Amino acid sequence: MECDVMKSIVPCLALLASAPLAQAANFFISDSTHESKICLAAASGTPIQFDRAIRHSPMNFRTVAKHLQCNQTPVADFAKQFSQYPDIVVRLEPYQTGASAAASDASEILITASLR
């Protein structure tokens, strides 16, 4: 009986090991504006990089959270979709307004930013 269990576990482990791992998207900014840099940091940066991008811009955190659009998506939704750091999303959510973002499975994403 013990052999039968091993016969069923080993193929399952092999299948799991061969499954593709989730890969992070490669982000590219369309220009070098403060807005694009903030969007890039929201999607692929650490919370410190995100805060630094805002501090180096003429905007404050509230303005960014309420008005910045990344790929025509509110920055909070954009971060929620792509960031691996929940802290970025948690900091943005209280100010979030507008519709939620649509999911994207693209491996390379060009970021365009705008203020609304």
PDB file of N, CA and C in Angstrom:
ATOM      1  N   MET A   1       0.818  -1.196   0.000  1.00  0.00           N
ATOM      2  CA  MET A   1       0.000   0.000   0.000  1.00  0.00           C
ATOM      3  C   MET A   1       0.861   1.259   0.000  1.00  0.00           C
ATOM      4  N   GLU A   2       1.942   1.218   0.780  1.00  0.00           N
ATOM      5  CA  GLU A   2       2.824   2.365   0.870  1.00  0.00           C
ATOM      6  C   GLU A   2       3.419   2.703  -0.501  1.00  0.00           C
ATOM      7  N   CYS A   3       3.691   1.727  -1.286  1.00  0.00           N
ATOM      8  CA  CYS A   3       4.251   1.928  -2.608  1.00  0.00           C
ATOM      9  C   CYS A   3       3.248   2.636  -3.522  1.00  0.00           C
ATOM     10  N   ASP A   4       1.958   2.285  -3.400  1.00  0.00           N
ATOM     11  CA  ASP A   4       0.932   2.924  -4.222  1.00  0.00           C
ATOM     12  C   ASP A   4       0.825   4.409  -3.910  1.00  0.00           C
ATOM     13  N   VAL A   5       0.948   4.772  -2.654  1.00  0.00           N
ATOM     14  CA  VAL A   5       0.888   6.180  -2.269  1.00  0.00           C
ATOM     15  C   VAL A   5       2.053   6.934  -2.898  1.00  0.00           C
ATOM     16  N   MET A   6       3.241   6.363  -2.831  1.00  0.00           N
ATOM     17  CA  MET A   6       4.408   7.010  -3.411  1.00  0.00           C
ATOM     18  C   MET A   6       4.271   7.134  -4.923  1.00  0.00           C
ATOM     19  N   LYS A   7       3.643   6.149  -5.549  1.00  0.00           N
ATOM     20  CA  LYS A   7       3.458   6.205  -6.999  1.00  0.00           C
ATOM     21  C   LYS A   7       2.539   7.361  -7.389  1.00  0.00           C
ATOM     22  N   SER A   8       1.610   7.726  -6.535  1.00  0.00           N
ATOM     23  CA  SER A   8       0.708   8.828  -6.870  1.00  0.00           C
ATOM     24  C   SER A   8       1.276  10.185  -6.433  1.00  0.00           C
ATOM     25  N   ILE A   9       2.105  10.206  -5.405  1.00  0.00           N
ATOM     26  CA  ILE A   9       2.675  11.466  -4.930  1.00  0.00           C
ATOM     27  C   ILE A   9       3.792  11.947  -5.853  1.00  0.00           C
ATOM     28  N   VAL A  10       4.646  11.072  -6.290  1.00  0.00           N
ATOM     29  CA  VAL A  10       5.789  11.468  -7.107  1.00  0.00           C
ATOM     30  C   VAL A  10       5.351  12.147  -8.401  1.00  0.00           C
ATOM     31  N   PRO A  11       4.386  11.607  -9.158  1.00  0.00           N
ATOM     32  CA  PRO A  11       3.956  12.323 -10.363  1.00  0.00           C
ATOM     33  C   PRO A  11       3.339  13.696 -10.046  1.00  0.00           C
ATOM     34  N   CYS A  12       2.640  13.800  -8.950  1.00  0.00           N
ATOM     35  CA  CYS A  12       2.054  15.092  -8.564  1.00  0.00           C
ATOM     36  C   CYS A  12       3.147  16.111  -8.270  1.00  0.00           C
ATOM     37  N   LEU A  13       4.181  15.689  -7.548  1.00  0.00           N
ATOM     38  CA  LEU A  13       5.290  16.586  -7.255  1.00  0.00           C
ATOM     39  C   LEU A  13       6.020  16.990  -8.531  1.00  0.00           C
ATOM     40  N   ALA A  14       6.187  16.050  -9.434  1.00  0.00           N
ATOM     41  CA  ALA A  14       6.850  16.357 -10.703  1.00  0.00           C
ATOM     42  C   ALA A  14       6.022  17.359 -11.502  1.00  0.00           C
ATOM     43  N   LEU A  15       4.714  17.207 -11.481  1.00  0.00           N
ATOM     44  CA  LEU A  15       3.837  18.129 -12.196  1.00  0.00           C
ATOM     45  C   LEU A  15       3.924  19.530 -11.593  1.00  0.00           C
ATOM     46  N   LEU A  16       3.931  19.614 -10.277  1.00  0.00           N
ATOM     47  CA  LEU A  16       4.035  20.912  -9.618  1.00  0.00           C
ATOM     48  C   LEU A  16       5.383  21.567  -9.892  1.00  0.00           C
ATOM     49  N   ALA A  17       6.428  20.783  -9.901  1.00  0.00           N
ATOM     50  CA  ALA A  17       7.763  21.324 -10.143  1.00  0.00           C
ATOM     51  C   ALA A  17       7.912  21.837 -11.566  1.00  0.00           C
ATOM     52  N   SER A  18       7.195  21.248 -12.502  1.00  0.00           N
ATOM     53  CA  SER A  18       7.317  21.668 -13.895  1.00  0.00           C
ATOM     54  C   SER A  18       6.367  22.803 -14.253  1.00  0.00           C
ATOM     55  N   ALA A  19       5.445  23.149 -13.369  1.00  0.00           N
ATOM     56  CA  ALA A  19       4.508  24.242 -13.643  1.00  0.00           C
ATOM     57  C   ALA A  19       5.268  25.559 -13.698  1.00  0.00           C
ATOM     58  N   PRO A  20       4.900  26.427 -14.661  1.00  0.00           N
ATOM     59  CA  PRO A  20       5.613  27.711 -14.755  1.00  0.00           C
ATOM     60  C   PRO A  20       5.339  28.569 -13.531  1.00  0.00           C
ATOM     61  N   LEU A  21       6.392  29.198 -13.035  1.00  0.00           N
ATOM     62  CA  LEU A  21       6.247  30.090 -11.895  1.00  0.00           C
ATOM     63  C   LEU A  21       5.731  31.436 -12.387  1.00  0.00           C
ATOM     64  N   ALA A  22       5.003  32.120 -11.540  1.00  0.00           N
ATOM     65  CA  ALA A  22       4.501  33.442 -11.899  1.00  0.00           C
ATOM     66  C   ALA A  22       5.683  34.373 -12.127  1.00  0.00           C
ATOM     67  N   GLN A  23       5.662  35.052 -13.260  1.00  0.00           N
ATOM     68  CA  GLN A  23       6.742  35.956 -13.577  1.00  0.00           C
ATOM     69  C   GLN A  23       6.240  37.388 -13.478  1.00  0.00           C
ATOM     70  N   ALA A  24       7.062  38.247 -12.948  1.00  0.00           N
ATOM     71  CA  ALA A  24       6.710  39.655 -12.846  1.00  0.00           C
ATOM     72  C   ALA A  24       6.787  40.285 -14.232  1.00  0.00           C
ATOM     73  N   ALA A  25       5.918  41.250 -14.459  1.00  0.00           N
ATOM     74  CA  ALA A  25       5.919  41.964 -15.728  1.00  0.00           C
ATOM     75  C   ALA A  25       7.125  42.892 -15.783  1.00  0.00           C
ATOM     76  N   ASN A  26       7.606  43.151 -16.981  1.00  0.00           N
ATOM     77  CA  ASN A  26       8.654  44.147 -17.189  1.00  0.00           C
ATOM     78  C   ASN A  26       7.964  45.462 -17.488  1.00  0.00           C
ATOM     79  N   PHE A  27       8.284  46.486 -16.726  1.00  0.00           N
ATOM     80  CA  PHE A  27       7.652  47.782 -16.898  1.00  0.00           C
ATOM     81  C   PHE A  27       8.598  48.749 -17.594  1.00  0.00           C
ATOM     82  N   PHE A  28       8.039  49.553 -18.485  1.00  0.00           N
ATOM     83  CA  PHE A  28       8.776  50.579 -19.194  1.00  0.00           C
ATOM     84  C   PHE A  28       7.972  51.868 -19.088  1.00  0.00           C
ATOM     85  N   ILE A  29       8.637  52.983 -18.833  1.00  0.00           N
ATOM     86  CA  ILE A  29       7.905  54.239 -18.778  1.00  0.00           C
ATOM     87  C   ILE A  29       8.017  54.939 -20.126  1.00  0.00           C
ATOM     88  N   SER A  30       6.929  55.622 -20.501  1.00  0.00           N
ATOM     89  CA  SER A  30       6.867  56.264 -21.812  1.00  0.00           C
ATOM     90  C   SER A  30       7.644  57.573 -21.856  1.00  0.00           C
ATOM     91  N   ASP A  31       7.930  58.154 -20.690  1.00  0.00           N
ATOM     92  CA  ASP A  31       8.683  59.403 -20.609  1.00  0.00           C
ATOM     93  C   ASP A  31       9.322  59.483 -19.227  1.00  0.00           C
ATOM     94  N   SER A  32      10.042  60.545 -18.971  1.00  0.00           N
ATOM     95  CA  SER A  32      10.730  60.639 -17.681  1.00  0.00           C
ATOM     96  C   SER A  32      10.055  61.641 -16.745  1.00  0.00           C
ATOM     97  N   THR A  33       8.738  61.803 -16.863  1.00  0.00           N
ATOM     98  CA  THR A  33       8.018  62.723 -15.985  1.00  0.00           C
ATOM     99  C   THR A  33       7.916  62.143 -14.577  1.00  0.00           C
ATOM    100  N   HIS A  34       7.664  63.020 -13.633  1.00  0.00           N
ATOM    101  CA  HIS A  34       7.479  62.574 -12.250  1.00  0.00           C
ATOM    102  C   HIS A  34       6.315  61.588 -12.167  1.00  0.00           C
ATOM    103  N   GLU A  35       5.256  61.855 -12.915  1.00  0.00           N
ATOM    104  CA  GLU A  35       4.074  60.995 -12.871  1.00  0.00           C
ATOM    105  C   GLU A  35       4.402  59.575 -13.319  1.00  0.00           C
ATOM    106  N   SER A  36       5.151  59.447 -14.404  1.00  0.00           N
ATOM    107  CA  SER A  36       5.524  58.113 -14.896  1.00  0.00           C
ATOM    108  C   SER A  36       6.423  57.392 -13.903  1.00  0.00           C
ATOM    109  N   LYS A  37       7.334  58.135 -13.286  1.00  0.00           N
ATOM    110  CA  LYS A  37       8.224  57.522 -12.298  1.00  0.00           C
ATOM    111  C   LYS A  37       7.443  57.041 -11.075  1.00  0.00           C
ATOM    112  N   ILE A  38       6.420  57.788 -10.681  1.00  0.00           N
ATOM    113  CA  ILE A  38       5.583  57.366  -9.552  1.00  0.00           C
ATOM    114  C   ILE A  38       4.798  56.117  -9.927  1.00  0.00           C
ATOM    115  N   CYS A  39       4.247  56.087 -11.134  1.00  0.00           N
ATOM    116  CA  CYS A  39       3.514  54.895 -11.584  1.00  0.00           C
ATOM    117  C   CYS A  39       4.425  53.675 -11.621  1.00  0.00           C
ATOM    118  N   LEU A  40       5.639  53.852 -12.114  1.00  0.00           N
ATOM    119  CA  LEU A  40       6.600  52.753 -12.155  1.00  0.00           C
ATOM    120  C   LEU A  40       6.903  52.249 -10.748  1.00  0.00           C
ATOM    121  N   ALA A  41       7.123  53.175  -9.818  1.00  0.00           N
ATOM    122  CA  ALA A  41       7.404  52.781  -8.439  1.00  0.00           C
ATOM    123  C   ALA A  41       6.195  52.119  -7.789  1.00  0.00           C
ATOM    124  N   ALA A  42       4.983  52.566  -8.124  1.00  0.00           N
ATOM    125  CA  ALA A  42       3.771  51.961  -7.560  1.00  0.00           C
ATOM    126  C   ALA A  42       3.611  50.522  -8.023  1.00  0.00           C
ATOM    127  N   ALA A  43       4.013  50.238  -9.244  1.00  0.00           N
ATOM    128  CA  ALA A  43       3.833  48.895  -9.795  1.00  0.00           C
ATOM    129  C   ALA A  43       4.990  47.956  -9.483  1.00  0.00           C
ATOM    130  N   SER A  44       6.219  48.470  -9.531  1.00  0.00           N
ATOM    131  CA  SER A  44       7.352  47.555  -9.429  1.00  0.00           C
ATOM    132  C   SER A  44       8.383  47.938  -8.377  1.00  0.00           C
ATOM    133  N   GLY A  45       8.166  49.023  -7.672  1.00  0.00           N
ATOM    134  CA  GLY A  45       9.135  49.448  -6.670  1.00  0.00           C
ATOM    135  C   GLY A  45       8.763  48.985  -5.272  1.00  0.00           C
ATOM    136  N   THR A  46       9.677  49.228  -4.361  1.00  0.00           N
ATOM    137  CA  THR A  46       9.416  48.964  -2.945  1.00  0.00           C
ATOM    138  C   THR A  46       8.643  50.141  -2.365  1.00  0.00           C
ATOM    139  N   PRO A  47       8.067  49.982  -1.190  1.00  0.00           N
ATOM    140  CA  PRO A  47       7.392  51.132  -0.570  1.00  0.00           C
ATOM    141  C   PRO A  47       8.316  52.341  -0.399  1.00  0.00           C
ATOM    142  N   ILE A  48       9.584  52.117  -0.108  1.00  0.00           N
ATOM    143  CA  ILE A  48      10.531  53.227   0.033  1.00  0.00           C
ATOM    144  C   ILE A  48      10.746  53.920  -1.309  1.00  0.00           C
ATOM    145  N   GLN A  49      10.888  53.155  -2.377  1.00  0.00           N
ATOM    146  CA  GLN A  49      11.053  53.743  -3.708  1.00  0.00           C
ATOM    147  C   GLN A  49       9.807  54.524  -4.119  1.00  0.00           C
ATOM    148  N   PHE A  50       8.641  54.020  -3.759  1.00  0.00           N
ATOM    149  CA  PHE A  50       7.387  54.700  -4.064  1.00  0.00           C
ATOM    150  C   PHE A  50       7.329  56.041  -3.325  1.00  0.00           C
ATOM    151  N   ASP A  51       7.620  56.025  -2.031  1.00  0.00           N
ATOM    152  CA  ASP A  51       7.616  57.266  -1.246  1.00  0.00           C
ATOM    153  C   ASP A  51       8.647  58.258  -1.785  1.00  0.00           C
ATOM    154  N   ARG A  52       9.806  57.764  -2.136  1.00  0.00           N
ATOM    155  CA  ARG A  52      10.862  58.633  -2.673  1.00  0.00           C
ATOM    156  C   ARG A  52      10.432  59.271  -3.999  1.00  0.00           C
ATOM    157  N   ALA A  53       9.765  58.503  -4.862  1.00  0.00           N
ATOM    158  CA  ALA A  53       9.305  59.051  -6.143  1.00  0.00           C
ATOM    159  C   ALA A  53       8.315  60.193  -5.914  1.00  0.00           C
ATOM    160  N   ILE A  54       7.458  60.056  -4.921  1.00  0.00           N
ATOM    161  CA  ILE A  54       6.502  61.131  -4.610  1.00  0.00           C
ATOM    162  C   ILE A  54       7.242  62.330  -4.022  1.00  0.00           C
ATOM    163  N   ARG A  55       8.154  62.102  -3.102  1.00  0.00           N
ATOM    164  CA  ARG A  55       8.909  63.206  -2.482  1.00  0.00           C
ATOM    165  C   ARG A  55       9.709  63.993  -3.508  1.00  0.00           C
ATOM    166  N   HIS A  56      10.184  63.346  -4.556  1.00  0.00           N
ATOM    167  CA  HIS A  56      10.986  64.010  -5.584  1.00  0.00           C
ATOM    168  C   HIS A  56      10.117  64.654  -6.662  1.00  0.00           C
ATOM    169  N   SER A  57       8.829  64.629  -6.483  1.00  0.00           N
ATOM    170  CA  SER A  57       7.909  65.250  -7.436  1.00  0.00           C
ATOM    171  C   SER A  57       7.322  66.517  -6.815  1.00  0.00           C
ATOM    172  N   PRO A  58       6.693  67.360  -7.621  1.00  0.00           N
ATOM    173  CA  PRO A  58       6.050  68.554  -7.057  1.00  0.00           C
ATOM    174  C   PRO A  58       4.695  68.256  -6.412  1.00  0.00           C
ATOM    175  N   MET A  59       4.285  66.995  -6.383  1.00  0.00           N
ATOM    176  CA  MET A  59       2.982  66.617  -5.842  1.00  0.00           C
ATOM    177  C   MET A  59       3.121  66.049  -4.441  1.00  0.00           C
ATOM    178  N   ASN A  60       2.031  66.123  -3.689  1.00  0.00           N
ATOM    179  CA  ASN A  60       2.020  65.472  -2.385  1.00  0.00           C
ATOM    180  C   ASN A  60       1.298  64.122  -2.512  1.00  0.00           C
ATOM    181  N   PHE A  61       1.335  63.355  -1.457  1.00  0.00           N
ATOM    182  CA  PHE A  61       0.783  62.001  -1.487  1.00  0.00           C
ATOM    183  C   PHE A  61      -0.709  62.002  -1.810  1.00  0.00           C
ATOM    184  N   ARG A  62      -1.462  62.923  -1.201  1.00  0.00           N
ATOM    185  CA  ARG A  62      -2.906  62.988  -1.423  1.00  0.00           C
ATOM    186  C   ARG A  62      -3.234  63.280  -2.894  1.00  0.00           C
ATOM    187  N   THR A  63      -2.502  64.206  -3.499  1.00  0.00           N
ATOM    188  CA  THR A  63      -2.723  64.544  -4.915  1.00  0.00           C
ATOM    189  C   THR A  63      -2.448  63.341  -5.797  1.00  0.00           C
ATOM    190  N   VAL A  64      -1.367  62.652  -5.523  1.00  0.00           N
ATOM    191  CA  VAL A  64      -1.021  61.456  -6.291  1.00  0.00           C
ATOM    192  C   VAL A  64      -2.137  60.424  -6.157  1.00  0.00           C
ATOM    193  N   ALA A  65      -2.540  60.149  -4.928  1.00  0.00           N
ATOM    194  CA  ALA A  65      -3.543  59.111  -4.682  1.00  0.00           C
ATOM    195  C   ALA A  65      -4.886  59.449  -5.310  1.00  0.00           C
ATOM    196  N   LYS A  66      -5.257  60.719  -5.299  1.00  0.00           N
ATOM    197  CA  LYS A  66      -6.579  61.107  -5.817  1.00  0.00           C
ATOM    198  C   LYS A  66      -6.606  61.353  -7.317  1.00  0.00           C
ATOM    199  N   HIS A  67      -5.480  61.795  -7.893  1.00  0.00           N
ATOM    200  CA  HIS A  67      -5.545  62.287  -9.267  1.00  0.00           C
ATOM    201  C   HIS A  67      -4.651  61.588 -10.285  1.00  0.00           C
ATOM    202  N   LEU A  68      -3.662  60.834  -9.842  1.00  0.00           N
ATOM    203  CA  LEU A  68      -2.746  60.224 -10.801  1.00  0.00           C
ATOM    204  C   LEU A  68      -3.358  58.990 -11.448  1.00  0.00           C
ATOM    205  N   GLN A  69      -3.267  58.938 -12.766  1.00  0.00           N
ATOM    206  CA  GLN A  69      -3.719  57.793 -13.541  1.00  0.00           C
ATOM    207  C   GLN A  69      -2.493  57.107 -14.151  1.00  0.00           C
ATOM    208  N   CYS A  70      -2.431  55.809 -14.035  1.00  0.00           N
ATOM    209  CA  CYS A  70      -1.369  55.012 -14.643  1.00  0.00           C
ATOM    210  C   CYS A  70      -2.031  54.103 -15.671  1.00  0.00           C
ATOM    211  N   ASN A  71      -1.695  54.302 -16.929  1.00  0.00           N
ATOM    212  CA  ASN A  71      -2.339  53.559 -18.018  1.00  0.00           C
ATOM    213  C   ASN A  71      -3.861  53.681 -17.931  1.00  0.00           C
ATOM    214  N   GLN A  72      -4.332  54.878 -17.704  1.00  0.00           N
ATOM    215  CA  GLN A  72      -5.756  55.202 -17.613  1.00  0.00           C
ATOM    216  C   GLN A  72      -6.456  54.460 -16.476  1.00  0.00           C
ATOM    217  N   THR A  73      -5.694  54.156 -15.442  1.00  0.00           N
ATOM    218  CA  THR A  73      -6.202  53.445 -14.269  1.00  0.00           C
ATOM    219  C   THR A  73      -5.771  54.226 -13.032  1.00  0.00           C
ATOM    220  N   PRO A  74      -6.648  54.408 -12.056  1.00  0.00           N
ATOM    221  CA  PRO A  74      -6.221  55.076 -10.822  1.00  0.00           C
ATOM    222  C   PRO A  74      -4.988  54.386 -10.236  1.00  0.00           C
ATOM    223  N   VAL A  75      -4.061  55.187  -9.733  1.00  0.00           N
ATOM    224  CA  VAL A  75      -2.792  54.650  -9.245  1.00  0.00           C
ATOM    225  C   VAL A  75      -2.995  53.569  -8.184  1.00  0.00           C
ATOM    226  N   ALA A  76      -4.004  53.686  -7.342  1.00  0.00           N
ATOM    227  CA  ALA A  76      -4.249  52.658  -6.318  1.00  0.00           C
ATOM    228  C   ALA A  76      -4.614  51.325  -6.965  1.00  0.00           C
ATOM    229  N   ASP A  77      -5.455  51.363  -7.980  1.00  0.00           N
ATOM    230  CA  ASP A  77      -5.821  50.125  -8.685  1.00  0.00           C
ATOM    231  C   ASP A  77      -4.626  49.548  -9.439  1.00  0.00           C
ATOM    232  N   PHE A  78      -3.817  50.432 -10.018  1.00  0.00           N
ATOM    233  CA  PHE A  78      -2.631  49.999 -10.748  1.00  0.00           C
ATOM    234  C   PHE A  78      -1.662  49.285  -9.800  1.00  0.00           C
ATOM    235  N   ALA A  79      -1.452  49.862  -8.641  1.00  0.00           N
ATOM    236  CA  ALA A  79      -0.577  49.231  -7.642  1.00  0.00           C
ATOM    237  C   ALA A  79      -1.175  47.917  -7.152  1.00  0.00           C
ATOM    238  N   LYS A  80      -2.477  47.904  -6.964  1.00  0.00           N
ATOM    239  CA  LYS A  80      -3.141  46.676  -6.492  1.00  0.00           C
ATOM    240  C   LYS A  80      -2.953  45.551  -7.503  1.00  0.00           C
ATOM    241  N   GLN A  81      -2.994  45.897  -8.768  1.00  0.00           N
ATOM    242  CA  GLN A  81      -2.869  44.893  -9.824  1.00  0.00           C
ATOM    243  C   GLN A  81      -1.436  44.374  -9.967  1.00  0.00           C
ATOM    244  N   PHE A  82      -0.441  45.242  -9.789  1.00  0.00           N
ATOM    245  CA  PHE A  82       0.922  44.841 -10.127  1.00  0.00           C
ATOM    246  C   PHE A  82       1.911  44.785  -8.973  1.00  0.00           C
ATOM    247  N   SER A  83       1.700  45.527  -7.907  1.00  0.00           N
ATOM    248  CA  SER A  83       2.706  45.601  -6.844  1.00  0.00           C
ATOM    249  C   SER A  83       2.721  44.333  -5.992  1.00  0.00           C
ATOM    250  N   GLN A  84       3.915  43.925  -5.612  1.00  0.00           N
ATOM    251  CA  GLN A  84       4.052  42.789  -4.702  1.00  0.00           C
ATOM    252  C   GLN A  84       4.075  43.251  -3.256  1.00  0.00           C
ATOM    253  N   TYR A  85       3.959  44.567  -3.040  1.00  0.00           N
ATOM    254  CA  TYR A  85       4.002  45.126  -1.693  1.00  0.00           C
ATOM    255  C   TYR A  85       2.629  45.657  -1.284  1.00  0.00           C
ATOM    256  N   PRO A  86       1.930  44.962  -0.417  1.00  0.00           N
ATOM    257  CA  PRO A  86       0.610  45.416   0.022  1.00  0.00           C
ATOM    258  C   PRO A  86       0.645  46.794   0.694  1.00  0.00           C
ATOM    259  N   ASP A  87       1.778  47.175   1.275  1.00  0.00           N
ATOM    260  CA  ASP A  87       1.870  48.473   1.944  1.00  0.00           C
ATOM    261  C   ASP A  87       1.585  49.631   0.989  1.00  0.00           C
ATOM    262  N   ILE A  88       2.016  49.507  -0.260  1.00  0.00           N
ATOM    263  CA  ILE A  88       1.750  50.564  -1.230  1.00  0.00           C
ATOM    264  C   ILE A  88       0.252  50.691  -1.449  1.00  0.00           C
ATOM    265  N   VAL A  89      -0.403  49.582  -1.638  1.00  0.00           N
ATOM    266  CA  VAL A  89      -1.850  49.577  -1.876  1.00  0.00           C
ATOM    267  C   VAL A  89      -2.601  50.100  -0.655  1.00  0.00           C
ATOM    268  N   VAL A  90      -2.214  49.664   0.516  1.00  0.00           N
ATOM    269  CA  VAL A  90      -2.887  50.091   1.757  1.00  0.00           C
ATOM    270  C   VAL A  90      -2.793  51.605   1.923  1.00  0.00           C
ATOM    271  N   ARG A  91      -1.644  52.181   1.596  1.00  0.00           N
ATOM    272  CA  ARG A  91      -1.480  53.633   1.729  1.00  0.00           C
ATOM    273  C   ARG A  91      -2.315  54.402   0.722  1.00  0.00           C
ATOM    274  N   LEU A  92      -2.569  53.830  -0.440  1.00  0.00           N
ATOM    275  CA  LEU A  92      -3.323  54.529  -1.483  1.00  0.00           C
ATOM    276  C   LEU A  92      -4.838  54.375  -1.356  1.00  0.00           C
ATOM    277  N   GLU A  93      -5.296  53.248  -0.857  1.00  0.00           N
ATOM    278  CA  GLU A  93      -6.729  52.942  -0.850  1.00  0.00           C
ATOM    279  C   GLU A  93      -7.619  53.974  -0.170  1.00  0.00           C
ATOM    280  N   PRO A  94      -7.226  54.590   0.945  1.00  0.00           N
ATOM    281  CA  PRO A  94      -8.137  55.563   1.569  1.00  0.00           C
ATOM    282  C   PRO A  94      -8.502  56.733   0.654  1.00  0.00           C
ATOM    283  N   TYR A  95      -7.650  57.041  -0.310  1.00  0.00           N
ATOM    284  CA  TYR A  95      -7.887  58.165  -1.207  1.00  0.00           C
ATOM    285  C   TYR A  95      -8.463  57.749  -2.555  1.00  0.00           C
ATOM    286  N   GLN A  96      -8.611  56.457  -2.755  1.00  0.00           N
ATOM    287  CA  GLN A  96      -9.000  55.937  -4.059  1.00  0.00           C
ATOM    288  C   GLN A  96     -10.388  56.414  -4.460  1.00  0.00           C
ATOM    289  N   THR A  97     -10.482  56.857  -5.695  1.00  0.00           N
ATOM    290  CA  THR A  97     -11.766  57.203  -6.301  1.00  0.00           C
ATOM    291  C   THR A  97     -11.793  56.609  -7.697  1.00  0.00           C
ATOM    292  N   GLY A  98     -12.960  56.339  -8.210  1.00  0.00           N
ATOM    293  CA  GLY A  98     -13.070  55.858  -9.581  1.00  0.00           C
ATOM    294  C   GLY A  98     -13.229  54.361  -9.679  1.00  0.00           C
ATOM    295  N   ALA A  99     -13.222  53.888 -10.916  1.00  0.00           N
ATOM    296  CA  ALA A  99     -13.466  52.482 -11.224  1.00  0.00           C
ATOM    297  C   ALA A  99     -12.229  51.641 -10.971  1.00  0.00           C
ATOM    298  N   SER A 100     -12.445  50.361 -10.791  1.00  0.00           N
ATOM    299  CA  SER A 100     -11.349  49.423 -10.586  1.00  0.00           C
ATOM    300  C   SER A 100     -10.684  49.082 -11.903  1.00  0.00           C
ATOM    301  N   ALA A 101      -9.460  48.618 -11.784  1.00  0.00           N
ATOM    302  CA  ALA A 101      -8.668  48.287 -12.961  1.00  0.00           C
ATOM    303  C   ALA A 101      -9.039  46.918 -13.507  1.00  0.00           C
ATOM    304  N   ALA A 102      -8.850  46.763 -14.805  1.00  0.00           N
ATOM    305  CA  ALA A 102      -9.011  45.462 -15.439  1.00  0.00           C
ATOM    306  C   ALA A 102      -7.688  44.716 -15.327  1.00  0.00           C
ATOM    307  N   ALA A 103      -7.750  43.425 -15.176  1.00  0.00           N
ATOM    308  CA  ALA A 103      -6.540  42.621 -15.036  1.00  0.00           C
ATOM    309  C   ALA A 103      -5.787  42.553 -16.356  1.00  0.00           C
ATOM    310  N   SER A 104      -4.477  42.397 -16.258  1.00  0.00           N
ATOM    311  CA  SER A 104      -3.635  42.282 -17.438  1.00  0.00           C
ATOM    312  C   SER A 104      -2.656  41.141 -17.217  1.00  0.00           C
ATOM    313  N   ASP A 105      -2.469  40.316 -18.242  1.00  0.00           N
ATOM    314  CA  ASP A 105      -1.535  39.202 -18.160  1.00  0.00           C
ATOM    315  C   ASP A 105      -0.281  39.471 -18.976  1.00  0.00           C
ATOM    316  N   ALA A 106      -0.104  40.692 -19.457  1.00  0.00           N
ATOM    317  CA  ALA A 106       1.032  41.018 -20.307  1.00  0.00           C
ATOM    318  C   ALA A 106       2.334  40.885 -19.528  1.00  0.00           C
ATOM    319  N   SER A 107       3.385  40.459 -20.217  1.00  0.00           N
ATOM    320  CA  SER A 107       4.677  40.325 -19.560  1.00  0.00           C
ATOM    321  C   SER A 107       5.494  41.611 -19.673  1.00  0.00           C
ATOM    322  N   GLU A 108       5.150  42.479 -20.625  1.00  0.00           N
ATOM    323  CA  GLU A 108       5.803  43.765 -20.766  1.00  0.00           C
ATOM    324  C   GLU A 108       4.720  44.841 -20.838  1.00  0.00           C
ATOM    325  N   ILE A 109       4.858  45.854 -20.004  1.00  0.00           N
ATOM    326  CA  ILE A 109       3.822  46.876 -19.905  1.00  0.00           C
ATOM    327  C   ILE A 109       4.447  48.249 -20.035  1.00  0.00           C
ATOM    328  N   LEU A 110       3.973  49.036 -20.991  1.00  0.00           N
ATOM    329  CA  LEU A 110       4.403  50.412 -21.153  1.00  0.00           C
ATOM    330  C   LEU A 110       3.532  51.279 -20.277  1.00  0.00           C
ATOM    331  N   ILE A 111       4.120  52.062 -19.402  1.00  0.00           N
ATOM    332  CA  ILE A 111       3.380  52.893 -18.475  1.00  0.00           C
ATOM    333  C   ILE A 111       3.236  54.291 -19.049  1.00  0.00           C
ATOM    334  N   THR A 112       2.011  54.763 -19.125  1.00  0.00           N
ATOM    335  CA  THR A 112       1.740  56.152 -19.450  1.00  0.00           C
ATOM    336  C   THR A 112       1.004  56.746 -18.273  1.00  0.00           C
ATOM    337  N   ALA A 113       1.359  57.960 -17.898  1.00  0.00           N
ATOM    338  CA  ALA A 113       0.781  58.577 -16.715  1.00  0.00           C
ATOM    339  C   ALA A 113       0.104  59.883 -17.096  1.00  0.00           C
ATOM    340  N   SER A 114      -0.937  60.219 -16.332  1.00  0.00           N
ATOM    341  CA  SER A 114      -1.622  61.494 -16.538  1.00  0.00           C
ATOM    342  C   SER A 114      -2.311  61.886 -15.243  1.00  0.00           C
ATOM    343  N   LEU A 115      -2.521  63.183 -15.091  1.00  0.00           N
ATOM    344  CA  LEU A 115      -3.297  63.680 -13.959  1.00  0.00           C
ATOM    345  C   LEU A 115      -4.698  63.965 -14.451  1.00  0.00           C
ATOM    346  N   ARG A 116      -5.682  63.682 -13.615  1.00  0.00           N
ATOM    347  CA  ARG A 116      -7.062  63.961 -14.020  1.00  0.00           C
ATOM    348  C   ARG A 116      -7.635  65.010 -13.118  1.00  0.00           C
TER     349      ARG A 116
END
